């Protein structure tokens, strides 16, 4: 069960990472992306990383 949660948190973080990467690429190619979208994406990336690190035992 712990491994399932660990895998779920890792997948959530990797998904957030891919979404953030795509948003940054879009910003690079098209300056119409609002910086608040980038900020929200970065916040989501941070939250998913914190959750994953807690699950694997890194405070």
C-alpha atoms as a PDB file:
ATOM      1  CA  UNK A   1       0.000   0.000   0.000  1.00  0.00           C
ATOM      2  CA  UNK A   2       2.849   2.422   0.810  1.00  0.00           C
ATOM      3  CA  UNK A   3       4.390   1.743  -2.585  1.00  0.00           C
ATOM      4  CA  UNK A   4       1.080   2.527  -4.295  1.00  0.00           C
ATOM      5  CA  UNK A   5       0.921   5.897  -2.558  1.00  0.00           C
ATOM      6  CA  UNK A   6       4.574   6.542  -3.358  1.00  0.00           C
ATOM      7  CA  UNK A   7       3.979   5.705  -7.023  1.00  0.00           C
ATOM      8  CA  UNK A   8       0.851   7.875  -7.119  1.00  0.00           C
ATOM      9  CA  UNK A   9       2.683  10.870  -5.652  1.00  0.00           C
ATOM     10  CA  UNK A  10       5.604  10.376  -8.043  1.00  0.00           C
ATOM     11  CA  UNK A  11       3.255  10.207 -11.026  1.00  0.00           C
ATOM     12  CA  UNK A  12       1.457  13.365  -9.869  1.00  0.00           C
ATOM     13  CA  UNK A  13       4.777  15.173  -9.600  1.00  0.00           C
ATOM     14  CA  UNK A  14       5.983  13.976 -12.994  1.00  0.00           C
ATOM     15  CA  UNK A  15       2.684  15.064 -14.529  1.00  0.00           C
ATOM     16  CA  UNK A  16       3.015  18.518 -12.952  1.00  0.00           C
ATOM     17  CA  UNK A  17       6.587  18.695 -14.229  1.00  0.00           C
ATOM     18  CA  UNK A  18       5.530  17.902 -17.795  1.00  0.00           C
ATOM     19  CA  UNK A  19       2.713  20.463 -17.656  1.00  0.00           C
ATOM     20  CA  UNK A  20       5.085  23.124 -16.355  1.00  0.00           C
ATOM     21  CA  UNK A  21       7.649  22.299 -19.026  1.00  0.00           C
ATOM     22  CA  UNK A  22       4.998  22.615 -21.740  1.00  0.00           C
ATOM     23  CA  UNK A  23       3.853  25.935 -20.316  1.00  0.00           C
ATOM     24  CA  UNK A  24       7.412  27.277 -20.290  1.00  0.00           C
ATOM     25  CA  UNK A  25       7.923  26.130 -23.871  1.00  0.00           C
ATOM     26  CA  UNK A  26       4.693  27.884 -24.842  1.00  0.00           C
ATOM     27  CA  UNK A  27       5.904  31.035 -23.069  1.00  0.00           C
ATOM     28  CA  UNK A  28       9.197  30.840 -24.949  1.00  0.00           C
ATOM     29  CA  UNK A  29       7.425  30.540 -28.301  1.00  0.00           C
ATOM     30  CA  UNK A  30       4.474  32.800 -27.603  1.00  0.00           C
ATOM     31  CA  UNK A  31       4.557  35.616 -25.113  1.00  0.00           C
ATOM     32  CA  UNK A  32       0.744  35.511 -24.779  1.00  0.00           C
ATOM     33  CA  UNK A  33       1.049  33.089 -21.862  1.00  0.00           C
ATOM     34  CA  UNK A  34       0.290  35.019 -18.708  1.00  0.00           C
ATOM     35  CA  UNK A  35       2.926  34.917 -16.028  1.00  0.00           C
ATOM     36  CA  UNK A  36       0.294  34.099 -13.410  1.00  0.00           C
ATOM     37  CA  UNK A  37      -0.271  30.792 -15.262  1.00  0.00           C
ATOM     38  CA  UNK A  38       3.445  30.061 -14.997  1.00  0.00           C
ATOM     39  CA  UNK A  39       3.402  30.975 -11.306  1.00  0.00           C
ATOM     40  CA  UNK A  40       0.414  28.696 -10.619  1.00  0.00           C
ATOM     41  CA  UNK A  41       2.109  25.876 -12.497  1.00  0.00           C
ATOM     42  CA  UNK A  42       5.282  26.324 -10.484  1.00  0.00           C
ATOM     43  CA  UNK A  43       3.263  26.284  -7.240  1.00  0.00           C
ATOM     44  CA  UNK A  44       1.636  23.002  -8.317  1.00  0.00           C
ATOM     45  CA  UNK A  45       5.044  21.568  -9.145  1.00  0.00           C
ATOM     46  CA  UNK A  46       6.325  22.548  -5.702  1.00  0.00           C
ATOM     47  CA  UNK A  47       3.324  21.030  -3.919  1.00  0.00           C
ATOM     48  CA  UNK A  48       3.598  17.713  -5.741  1.00  0.00           C
ATOM     49  CA  UNK A  49       7.327  17.533  -5.009  1.00  0.00           C
ATOM     50  CA  UNK A  50       6.740  18.250  -1.306  1.00  0.00           C
ATOM     51  CA  UNK A  51       4.083  15.519  -1.135  1.00  0.00           C
ATOM     52  CA  UNK A  52       6.355  12.995  -2.845  1.00  0.00           C
ATOM     53  CA  UNK A  53       9.315  13.816  -0.604  1.00  0.00           C
ATOM     54  CA  UNK A  54       7.144  13.360   2.512  1.00  0.00           C
ATOM     55  CA  UNK A  55       6.033   9.937   1.277  1.00  0.00           C
ATOM     56  CA  UNK A  56       9.596   8.733   0.690  1.00  0.00           C
ATOM     57  CA  UNK A  57      10.682  10.051   4.092  1.00  0.00           C
ATOM     58  CA  UNK A  58      12.490  13.267   3.269  1.00  0.00           C
ATOM     59  CA  UNK A  59      11.083  16.082   5.431  1.00  0.00           C
END
